[in-house]
Protein backbone atom coordinates (compact mmCIF):
# COMPACT_ATOMS: atom_id res chain seq x y z
CA UNK A 1 0.00 0.00 0.00
CA UNK A 2 1.70 3.17 -1.08
CA UNK A 3 1.19 6.79 -2.18
CA UNK A 4 -2.35 7.14 -0.78
CA UNK A 5 -3.72 10.45 0.48
CA UNK A 6 -6.44 10.81 3.12
CA UNK A 7 -6.99 14.53 3.44
CA UNK A 8 -9.49 17.16 4.58
CA UNK A 9 -12.21 14.84 5.91
CA UNK A 10 -14.64 15.83 8.67
CA UNK A 11 -15.92 13.22 11.09
CA UNK A 12 -18.98 14.19 13.14
CA UNK A 13 -20.32 17.69 13.58
CA UNK A 14 -21.17 20.24 16.22
CA UNK A 15 -24.72 18.83 16.31
CA UNK A 16 -23.88 15.10 16.87
CA UNK A 17 -21.82 13.25 19.47
CA UNK A 18 -20.05 11.13 16.80
CA UNK A 19 -18.65 8.50 19.18
CA UNK A 20 -17.72 5.81 16.64
CA UNK A 21 -14.14 4.81 15.87
CA UNK A 22 -12.44 6.54 12.93
CA UNK A 23 -9.80 4.87 10.72
CA UNK A 24 -8.08 6.97 8.05
CA UNK A 25 -6.04 4.07 6.59
CA UNK A 26 -6.71 0.54 7.88
CA UNK A 27 -4.57 -2.43 6.89
CA UNK A 28 -5.40 -5.83 8.35
CA UNK A 29 -5.51 -9.52 7.69
CA UNK A 30 -3.50 -12.64 8.20
CA UNK A 31 -1.09 -14.57 6.08
CA UNK A 32 0.38 -17.97 6.84
CA UNK A 33 2.67 -18.02 3.79
CA UNK A 34 6.28 -17.90 4.98
CA UNK A 35 8.10 -14.74 3.94
CA UNK A 36 4.98 -12.76 3.05
CA UNK A 37 5.77 -9.05 3.01
CA UNK A 38 3.70 -5.91 3.35
CA UNK A 39 5.30 -2.68 2.15
CA UNK A 40 3.40 0.36 3.40
CA UNK A 41 5.04 3.62 2.41
CA UNK A 42 4.65 7.14 1.08
CA UNK A 43 1.12 7.67 2.43
CA UNK A 44 -0.13 11.12 3.49
CA UNK A 45 -2.83 11.59 6.14
CA UNK A 46 -3.51 15.26 6.83
CA UNK A 47 -6.04 17.95 7.75
CA UNK A 48 -8.72 15.56 9.01
CA UNK A 49 -11.06 16.87 11.73
CA UNK A 50 -13.27 15.15 14.29
CA UNK A 51 -16.03 17.24 15.89
CA UNK A 52 -18.47 16.36 18.67
CA UNK A 53 -21.43 18.31 19.97
CA UNK A 54 -20.60 17.12 23.49
CA UNK A 55 -17.17 15.79 24.40
CA UNK A 56 -17.43 12.02 24.61
CA UNK A 57 -15.83 8.76 23.56
CA UNK A 58 -14.62 8.13 20.04
CA UNK A 59 -11.23 6.72 19.10
CA UNK A 60 -9.19 7.96 16.15
CA UNK A 61 -6.67 5.84 14.22
CA UNK A 62 -4.86 7.59 11.42
CA UNK A 63 -2.62 4.74 10.22
CA UNK A 64 -3.84 1.42 11.64
CA UNK A 65 -2.00 -1.81 10.82
CA UNK A 66 -2.97 -5.16 12.31
CA UNK A 67 -2.84 -8.83 11.41
CA UNK A 68 -0.68 -11.91 11.75
CA UNK A 69 2.21 -13.75 10.17
CA UNK A 70 4.05 -11.35 7.90
CA UNK A 71 7.02 -9.09 7.43
CA UNK A 72 5.93 -5.45 7.44
CA UNK A 73 8.10 -2.64 6.11
CA UNK A 74 6.40 0.62 7.07
CA UNK A 75 8.27 3.74 6.07
CA UNK A 76 8.18 7.34 4.83
CA UNK A 77 4.54 7.94 5.80
CA UNK A 78 3.43 11.42 6.91
CA UNK A 79 0.63 12.05 9.41
CA UNK A 80 0.16 15.75 10.04
CA UNK A 81 -2.25 18.55 10.95
CA UNK A 82 -5.15 16.41 12.15
CA UNK A 83 -7.50 17.62 14.91
CA UNK A 84 -9.78 15.70 17.25
CA UNK A 85 -12.33 16.86 19.81
CA UNK A 86 -12.86 13.60 21.71
CA UNK A 87 -12.15 12.03 25.08
CA UNK A 88 -11.20 8.81 23.29
CA UNK A 89 -7.75 7.59 22.29
CA UNK A 90 -6.03 9.06 19.25
CA UNK A 91 -3.38 6.87 17.62
CA UNK A 92 -1.41 8.61 14.93
CA UNK A 93 0.25 5.26 14.10
CA UNK A 94 -1.10 1.98 15.49
CA UNK A 95 0.62 -1.35 14.88
CA UNK A 96 -0.54 -4.62 16.39
CA UNK A 97 0.46 -7.94 14.95
CA UNK A 98 1.38 -11.41 16.13
CA UNK A 99 4.00 -13.71 14.71
CA UNK A 100 5.53 -11.02 12.58
CA UNK A 101 8.53 -8.80 11.98
CA UNK A 102 8.04 -5.06 11.57
CA UNK A 103 10.55 -2.53 10.30
CA UNK A 104 9.13 0.93 10.99
CA UNK A 105 11.34 3.81 9.88
CA UNK A 106 11.45 7.32 8.44
CA UNK A 107 7.85 8.21 9.35
CA UNK A 108 6.82 11.77 10.26
CA UNK A 109 4.09 12.26 12.88
CA UNK A 110 3.55 15.96 13.55
CA UNK A 111 1.12 18.78 14.31
CA UNK A 112 -1.64 16.73 15.97
CA UNK A 113 -4.15 18.47 18.27
CA UNK A 114 -6.58 16.59 20.49
CA UNK A 115 -9.01 18.02 23.00
CA UNK A 116 -8.90 15.48 25.84
CA UNK A 117 -8.28 11.77 26.21
CA UNK A 118 -4.99 10.21 25.11
CA UNK A 119 -2.79 10.86 22.10
CA UNK A 120 -0.17 8.32 21.03
CA UNK A 121 2.42 9.07 18.39
CA UNK A 122 3.17 5.36 17.97
CA UNK A 123 1.00 2.78 19.76
CA UNK A 124 2.70 -0.60 19.39
CA UNK A 125 1.06 -3.83 20.55
CA UNK A 126 2.88 -6.75 18.99
CA UNK A 127 4.12 -10.27 19.45
CA UNK A 128 7.22 -10.74 17.35
CA UNK A 129 10.08 -8.41 16.44
CA UNK A 130 9.63 -4.65 16.03
CA UNK A 131 12.35 -2.20 15.01
CA UNK A 132 11.63 1.54 15.09
CA UNK A 133 14.27 3.89 13.70
CA UNK A 134 14.66 7.36 12.25
CA UNK A 135 11.04 8.33 12.99
CA UNK A 136 10.06 11.88 13.98
CA UNK A 137 7.33 12.59 16.52
CA UNK A 138 6.84 16.29 17.23
CA UNK A 139 4.33 18.99 18.02
CA UNK A 140 1.64 16.82 19.66
CA UNK A 141 -0.79 18.86 21.75
CA UNK A 142 -3.51 17.63 24.09
CA UNK A 143 -5.39 20.77 25.09
CA UNK A 144 -7.65 18.93 27.54
CA UNK A 145 -11.37 19.47 27.78
CA UNK A 146 -12.05 23.23 27.69
CA UNK A 147 -15.26 22.89 29.73
CA UNK A 148 -14.17 20.70 32.63
CA UNK A 149 -10.90 19.73 34.22
CA UNK A 150 -10.49 15.99 34.64
CA UNK A 151 -7.73 13.51 35.22
CA UNK A 152 -6.57 11.80 32.08
CA UNK A 153 -5.07 14.08 29.43
CA UNK A 154 -2.11 12.04 28.20
CA UNK A 155 0.50 12.47 25.46
CA UNK A 156 2.85 9.62 24.51
CA UNK A 157 5.53 9.62 21.83
CA UNK A 158 5.81 5.83 22.00
CA UNK A 159 3.28 3.69 23.86
CA UNK A 160 4.08 -0.03 24.04
CA UNK A 161 1.65 -2.74 25.10
CA UNK A 162 3.62 -5.74 23.95
CA UNK A 163 4.06 -9.24 25.24
CA UNK A 164 6.61 -11.78 24.07
CA UNK A 165 8.10 -9.25 21.69
CA UNK A 166 11.52 -7.89 20.95
CA UNK A 167 11.47 -4.13 20.41
CA UNK A 168 14.48 -2.17 19.18
CA UNK A 169 14.41 1.63 19.04
CA UNK A 170 17.19 3.86 17.77
CA UNK A 171 17.75 7.27 16.17
CA UNK A 172 14.16 8.48 16.68
CA UNK A 173 13.39 12.15 17.35
CA UNK A 174 10.70 13.02 19.90
CA UNK A 175 9.97 16.65 20.77
CA UNK A 176 7.37 19.22 21.73
CA UNK A 177 4.81 16.90 23.36
CA UNK A 178 2.37 19.02 25.38
CA UNK A 179 -0.59 18.62 27.74
CA UNK A 180 -0.84 22.04 29.40
CA UNK A 181 -4.09 21.33 31.28
CA UNK A 182 -3.30 17.81 32.44
CA UNK A 183 -3.82 17.10 36.11
CA UNK A 184 -2.45 14.43 38.36
CA UNK A 185 -4.26 12.56 41.09
CA UNK A 186 -3.01 13.24 43.67
CA UNK A 187 -1.78 16.69 42.65
CA UNK A 188 1.96 16.96 42.00
CA UNK A 189 3.91 19.12 44.44
CA UNK A 190 7.59 19.91 44.76
C-alpha atoms as a PDB file:
ATOM      1  CA  UNK A   1       0.000   0.000   0.000  1.00  0.00           C
ATOM      2  CA  UNK A   2       1.695   3.175  -1.080  1.00  0.00           C
ATOM      3  CA  UNK A   3       1.186   6.788  -2.176  1.00  0.00           C
ATOM      4  CA  UNK A   4      -2.351   7.143  -0.781  1.00  0.00           C
ATOM      5  CA  UNK A   5      -3.717  10.454   0.476  1.00  0.00           C
ATOM      6  CA  UNK A   6      -6.442  10.808   3.117  1.00  0.00           C
ATOM      7  CA  UNK A   7      -6.985  14.531   3.439  1.00  0.00           C
ATOM      8  CA  UNK A   8      -9.490  17.159   4.579  1.00  0.00           C
ATOM      9  CA  UNK A   9     -12.213  14.842   5.905  1.00  0.00           C
ATOM     10  CA  UNK A  10     -14.637  15.827   8.667  1.00  0.00           C
ATOM     11  CA  UNK A  11     -15.918  13.223  11.091  1.00  0.00           C
ATOM     12  CA  UNK A  12     -18.977  14.190  13.140  1.00  0.00           C
ATOM     13  CA  UNK A  13     -20.321  17.694  13.583  1.00  0.00           C
ATOM     14  CA  UNK A  14     -21.168  20.244  16.223  1.00  0.00           C
ATOM     15  CA  UNK A  15     -24.722  18.829  16.308  1.00  0.00           C
ATOM     16  CA  UNK A  16     -23.881  15.101  16.871  1.00  0.00           C
ATOM     17  CA  UNK A  17     -21.825  13.247  19.465  1.00  0.00           C
ATOM     18  CA  UNK A  18     -20.053  11.126  16.799  1.00  0.00           C
ATOM     19  CA  UNK A  19     -18.652   8.496  19.182  1.00  0.00           C
ATOM     20  CA  UNK A  20     -17.721   5.810  16.638  1.00  0.00           C
ATOM     21  CA  UNK A  21     -14.141   4.807  15.865  1.00  0.00           C
ATOM     22  CA  UNK A  22     -12.440   6.538  12.934  1.00  0.00           C
ATOM     23  CA  UNK A  23      -9.796   4.874  10.719  1.00  0.00           C
ATOM     24  CA  UNK A  24      -8.083   6.974   8.048  1.00  0.00           C
ATOM     25  CA  UNK A  25      -6.042   4.069   6.590  1.00  0.00           C
ATOM     26  CA  UNK A  26      -6.715   0.544   7.876  1.00  0.00           C
ATOM     27  CA  UNK A  27      -4.567  -2.434   6.889  1.00  0.00           C
ATOM     28  CA  UNK A  28      -5.405  -5.827   8.348  1.00  0.00           C
ATOM     29  CA  UNK A  29      -5.514  -9.524   7.688  1.00  0.00           C
ATOM     30  CA  UNK A  30      -3.501 -12.642   8.202  1.00  0.00           C
ATOM     31  CA  UNK A  31      -1.087 -14.567   6.084  1.00  0.00           C
ATOM     32  CA  UNK A  32       0.383 -17.968   6.843  1.00  0.00           C
ATOM     33  CA  UNK A  33       2.670 -18.015   3.794  1.00  0.00           C
ATOM     34  CA  UNK A  34       6.282 -17.904   4.980  1.00  0.00           C
ATOM     35  CA  UNK A  35       8.105 -14.743   3.936  1.00  0.00           C
ATOM     36  CA  UNK A  36       4.980 -12.760   3.048  1.00  0.00           C
ATOM     37  CA  UNK A  37       5.775  -9.049   3.012  1.00  0.00           C
ATOM     38  CA  UNK A  38       3.700  -5.910   3.346  1.00  0.00           C
ATOM     39  CA  UNK A  39       5.299  -2.679   2.145  1.00  0.00           C
ATOM     40  CA  UNK A  40       3.399   0.356   3.396  1.00  0.00           C
ATOM     41  CA  UNK A  41       5.041   3.617   2.409  1.00  0.00           C
ATOM     42  CA  UNK A  42       4.655   7.135   1.084  1.00  0.00           C
ATOM     43  CA  UNK A  43       1.125   7.674   2.428  1.00  0.00           C
ATOM     44  CA  UNK A  44      -0.132  11.119   3.495  1.00  0.00           C
ATOM     45  CA  UNK A  45      -2.826  11.590   6.142  1.00  0.00           C
ATOM     46  CA  UNK A  46      -3.513  15.263   6.829  1.00  0.00           C
ATOM     47  CA  UNK A  47      -6.036  17.954   7.746  1.00  0.00           C
ATOM     48  CA  UNK A  48      -8.723  15.555   9.011  1.00  0.00           C
ATOM     49  CA  UNK A  49     -11.055  16.868  11.730  1.00  0.00           C
ATOM     50  CA  UNK A  50     -13.273  15.149  14.286  1.00  0.00           C
ATOM     51  CA  UNK A  51     -16.031  17.238  15.895  1.00  0.00           C
ATOM     52  CA  UNK A  52     -18.470  16.360  18.666  1.00  0.00           C
ATOM     53  CA  UNK A  53     -21.433  18.314  19.971  1.00  0.00           C
ATOM     54  CA  UNK A  54     -20.598  17.124  23.490  1.00  0.00           C
ATOM     55  CA  UNK A  55     -17.172  15.786  24.397  1.00  0.00           C
ATOM     56  CA  UNK A  56     -17.426  12.017  24.606  1.00  0.00           C
ATOM     57  CA  UNK A  57     -15.829   8.762  23.557  1.00  0.00           C
ATOM     58  CA  UNK A  58     -14.624   8.131  20.043  1.00  0.00           C
ATOM     59  CA  UNK A  59     -11.235   6.721  19.099  1.00  0.00           C
ATOM     60  CA  UNK A  60      -9.185   7.961  16.152  1.00  0.00           C
ATOM     61  CA  UNK A  61      -6.670   5.843  14.224  1.00  0.00           C
ATOM     62  CA  UNK A  62      -4.855   7.587  11.418  1.00  0.00           C
ATOM     63  CA  UNK A  63      -2.615   4.743  10.216  1.00  0.00           C
ATOM     64  CA  UNK A  64      -3.842   1.416  11.638  1.00  0.00           C
ATOM     65  CA  UNK A  65      -1.995  -1.812  10.824  1.00  0.00           C
ATOM     66  CA  UNK A  66      -2.972  -5.164  12.309  1.00  0.00           C
ATOM     67  CA  UNK A  67      -2.844  -8.827  11.410  1.00  0.00           C
ATOM     68  CA  UNK A  68      -0.684 -11.914  11.748  1.00  0.00           C
ATOM     69  CA  UNK A  69       2.206 -13.749  10.168  1.00  0.00           C
ATOM     70  CA  UNK A  70       4.048 -11.353   7.898  1.00  0.00           C
ATOM     71  CA  UNK A  71       7.023  -9.094   7.431  1.00  0.00           C
ATOM     72  CA  UNK A  72       5.928  -5.449   7.441  1.00  0.00           C
ATOM     73  CA  UNK A  73       8.101  -2.637   6.114  1.00  0.00           C
ATOM     74  CA  UNK A  74       6.396   0.618   7.071  1.00  0.00           C
ATOM     75  CA  UNK A  75       8.270   3.742   6.068  1.00  0.00           C
ATOM     76  CA  UNK A  76       8.180   7.342   4.834  1.00  0.00           C
ATOM     77  CA  UNK A  77       4.540   7.943   5.804  1.00  0.00           C
ATOM     78  CA  UNK A  78       3.431  11.422   6.905  1.00  0.00           C
ATOM     79  CA  UNK A  79       0.626  12.046   9.406  1.00  0.00           C
ATOM     80  CA  UNK A  80       0.160  15.750  10.041  1.00  0.00           C
ATOM     81  CA  UNK A  81      -2.248  18.555  10.953  1.00  0.00           C
ATOM     82  CA  UNK A  82      -5.146  16.413  12.149  1.00  0.00           C
ATOM     83  CA  UNK A  83      -7.501  17.616  14.913  1.00  0.00           C
ATOM     84  CA  UNK A  84      -9.776  15.699  17.252  1.00  0.00           C
ATOM     85  CA  UNK A  85     -12.327  16.864  19.812  1.00  0.00           C
ATOM     86  CA  UNK A  86     -12.860  13.604  21.708  1.00  0.00           C
ATOM     87  CA  UNK A  87     -12.148  12.026  25.081  1.00  0.00           C
ATOM     88  CA  UNK A  88     -11.197   8.809  23.291  1.00  0.00           C
ATOM     89  CA  UNK A  89      -7.748   7.592  22.292  1.00  0.00           C
ATOM     90  CA  UNK A  90      -6.035   9.056  19.248  1.00  0.00           C
ATOM     91  CA  UNK A  91      -3.383   6.870  17.622  1.00  0.00           C
ATOM     92  CA  UNK A  92      -1.410   8.607  14.926  1.00  0.00           C
ATOM     93  CA  UNK A  93       0.248   5.263  14.104  1.00  0.00           C
ATOM     94  CA  UNK A  94      -1.099   1.979  15.488  1.00  0.00           C
ATOM     95  CA  UNK A  95       0.619  -1.351  14.877  1.00  0.00           C
ATOM     96  CA  UNK A  96      -0.542  -4.621  16.387  1.00  0.00           C
ATOM     97  CA  UNK A  97       0.456  -7.944  14.950  1.00  0.00           C
ATOM     98  CA  UNK A  98       1.376 -11.409  16.128  1.00  0.00           C
ATOM     99  CA  UNK A  99       4.002 -13.711  14.712  1.00  0.00           C
ATOM    100  CA  UNK A 100       5.535 -11.017  12.576  1.00  0.00           C
ATOM    101  CA  UNK A 101       8.534  -8.803  11.980  1.00  0.00           C
ATOM    102  CA  UNK A 102       8.036  -5.064  11.572  1.00  0.00           C
ATOM    103  CA  UNK A 103      10.553  -2.529  10.304  1.00  0.00           C
ATOM    104  CA  UNK A 104       9.132   0.926  10.988  1.00  0.00           C
ATOM    105  CA  UNK A 105      11.337   3.814   9.881  1.00  0.00           C
ATOM    106  CA  UNK A 106      11.454   7.319   8.437  1.00  0.00           C
ATOM    107  CA  UNK A 107       7.855   8.206   9.353  1.00  0.00           C
ATOM    108  CA  UNK A 108       6.816  11.767  10.260  1.00  0.00           C
ATOM    109  CA  UNK A 109       4.092  12.262  12.876  1.00  0.00           C
ATOM    110  CA  UNK A 110       3.548  15.956  13.547  1.00  0.00           C
ATOM    111  CA  UNK A 111       1.118  18.785  14.313  1.00  0.00           C
ATOM    112  CA  UNK A 112      -1.640  16.733  15.975  1.00  0.00           C
ATOM    113  CA  UNK A 113      -4.147  18.470  18.266  1.00  0.00           C
ATOM    114  CA  UNK A 114      -6.584  16.593  20.492  1.00  0.00           C
ATOM    115  CA  UNK A 115      -9.010  18.020  22.997  1.00  0.00           C
ATOM    116  CA  UNK A 116      -8.898  15.485  25.839  1.00  0.00           C
ATOM    117  CA  UNK A 117      -8.282  11.766  26.206  1.00  0.00           C
ATOM    118  CA  UNK A 118      -4.993  10.212  25.107  1.00  0.00           C
ATOM    119  CA  UNK A 119      -2.791  10.864  22.104  1.00  0.00           C
ATOM    120  CA  UNK A 120      -0.173   8.323  21.025  1.00  0.00           C
ATOM    121  CA  UNK A 121       2.418   9.070  18.389  1.00  0.00           C
ATOM    122  CA  UNK A 122       3.168   5.361  17.973  1.00  0.00           C
ATOM    123  CA  UNK A 123       1.003   2.781  19.758  1.00  0.00           C
ATOM    124  CA  UNK A 124       2.699  -0.603  19.390  1.00  0.00           C
ATOM    125  CA  UNK A 125       1.056  -3.827  20.545  1.00  0.00           C
ATOM    126  CA  UNK A 126       2.876  -6.745  18.985  1.00  0.00           C
ATOM    127  CA  UNK A 127       4.118 -10.267  19.454  1.00  0.00           C
ATOM    128  CA  UNK A 128       7.221 -10.736  17.351  1.00  0.00           C
ATOM    129  CA  UNK A 129      10.079  -8.409  16.445  1.00  0.00           C
ATOM    130  CA  UNK A 130       9.627  -4.649  16.034  1.00  0.00           C
ATOM    131  CA  UNK A 131      12.349  -2.197  15.009  1.00  0.00           C
ATOM    132  CA  UNK A 132      11.628   1.543  15.092  1.00  0.00           C
ATOM    133  CA  UNK A 133      14.271   3.887  13.702  1.00  0.00           C
ATOM    134  CA  UNK A 134      14.659   7.360  12.251  1.00  0.00           C
ATOM    135  CA  UNK A 135      11.045   8.327  12.988  1.00  0.00           C
ATOM    136  CA  UNK A 136      10.059  11.877  13.977  1.00  0.00           C
ATOM    137  CA  UNK A 137       7.327  12.586  16.521  1.00  0.00           C
ATOM    138  CA  UNK A 138       6.842  16.285  17.225  1.00  0.00           C
ATOM    139  CA  UNK A 139       4.327  18.994  18.024  1.00  0.00           C
ATOM    140  CA  UNK A 140       1.640  16.819  19.660  1.00  0.00           C
ATOM    141  CA  UNK A 141      -0.794  18.860  21.755  1.00  0.00           C
ATOM    142  CA  UNK A 142      -3.511  17.634  24.092  1.00  0.00           C
ATOM    143  CA  UNK A 143      -5.394  20.772  25.094  1.00  0.00           C
ATOM    144  CA  UNK A 144      -7.653  18.932  27.542  1.00  0.00           C
ATOM    145  CA  UNK A 145     -11.373  19.466  27.781  1.00  0.00           C
ATOM    146  CA  UNK A 146     -12.046  23.231  27.686  1.00  0.00           C
ATOM    147  CA  UNK A 147     -15.256  22.888  29.727  1.00  0.00           C
ATOM    148  CA  UNK A 148     -14.168  20.698  32.627  1.00  0.00           C
ATOM    149  CA  UNK A 149     -10.898  19.732  34.222  1.00  0.00           C
ATOM    150  CA  UNK A 150     -10.494  15.993  34.641  1.00  0.00           C
ATOM    151  CA  UNK A 151      -7.730  13.509  35.220  1.00  0.00           C
ATOM    152  CA  UNK A 152      -6.566  11.801  32.084  1.00  0.00           C
ATOM    153  CA  UNK A 153      -5.071  14.082  29.428  1.00  0.00           C
ATOM    154  CA  UNK A 154      -2.111  12.040  28.199  1.00  0.00           C
ATOM    155  CA  UNK A 155       0.498  12.471  25.462  1.00  0.00           C
ATOM    156  CA  UNK A 156       2.851   9.621  24.511  1.00  0.00           C
ATOM    157  CA  UNK A 157       5.529   9.624  21.833  1.00  0.00           C
ATOM    158  CA  UNK A 158       5.810   5.831  21.996  1.00  0.00           C
ATOM    159  CA  UNK A 159       3.278   3.687  23.863  1.00  0.00           C
ATOM    160  CA  UNK A 160       4.076  -0.031  24.037  1.00  0.00           C
ATOM    161  CA  UNK A 161       1.645  -2.738  25.100  1.00  0.00           C
ATOM    162  CA  UNK A 162       3.617  -5.742  23.946  1.00  0.00           C
ATOM    163  CA  UNK A 163       4.059  -9.240  25.244  1.00  0.00           C
ATOM    164  CA  UNK A 164       6.613 -11.781  24.073  1.00  0.00           C
ATOM    165  CA  UNK A 165       8.099  -9.252  21.690  1.00  0.00           C
ATOM    166  CA  UNK A 166      11.521  -7.890  20.948  1.00  0.00           C
ATOM    167  CA  UNK A 167      11.474  -4.129  20.411  1.00  0.00           C
ATOM    168  CA  UNK A 168      14.482  -2.167  19.181  1.00  0.00           C
ATOM    169  CA  UNK A 169      14.413   1.627  19.039  1.00  0.00           C
ATOM    170  CA  UNK A 170      17.189   3.861  17.766  1.00  0.00           C
ATOM    171  CA  UNK A 171      17.751   7.272  16.169  1.00  0.00           C
ATOM    172  CA  UNK A 172      14.159   8.478  16.679  1.00  0.00           C
ATOM    173  CA  UNK A 173      13.390  12.150  17.351  1.00  0.00           C
ATOM    174  CA  UNK A 174      10.698  13.018  19.895  1.00  0.00           C
ATOM    175  CA  UNK A 175       9.973  16.647  20.773  1.00  0.00           C
ATOM    176  CA  UNK A 176       7.370  19.224  21.728  1.00  0.00           C
ATOM    177  CA  UNK A 177       4.810  16.898  23.356  1.00  0.00           C
ATOM    178  CA  UNK A 178       2.370  19.021  25.376  1.00  0.00           C
ATOM    179  CA  UNK A 179      -0.595  18.617  27.736  1.00  0.00           C
ATOM    180  CA  UNK A 180      -0.838  22.036  29.405  1.00  0.00           C
ATOM    181  CA  UNK A 181      -4.087  21.329  31.277  1.00  0.00           C
ATOM    182  CA  UNK A 182      -3.299  17.810  32.440  1.00  0.00           C
ATOM    183  CA  UNK A 183      -3.821  17.103  36.113  1.00  0.00           C
ATOM    184  CA  UNK A 184      -2.451  14.432  38.363  1.00  0.00           C
ATOM    185  CA  UNK A 185      -4.257  12.559  41.088  1.00  0.00           C
ATOM    186  CA  UNK A 186      -3.014  13.243  43.674  1.00  0.00           C
ATOM    187  CA  UNK A 187      -1.775  16.692  42.646  1.00  0.00           C
ATOM    188  CA  UNK A 188       1.964  16.961  42.005  1.00  0.00           C
ATOM    189  CA  UNK A 189       3.907  19.119  44.442  1.00  0.00           C
ATOM    190  CA  UNK A 190       7.594  19.907  44.765  1.00  0.00           C
END
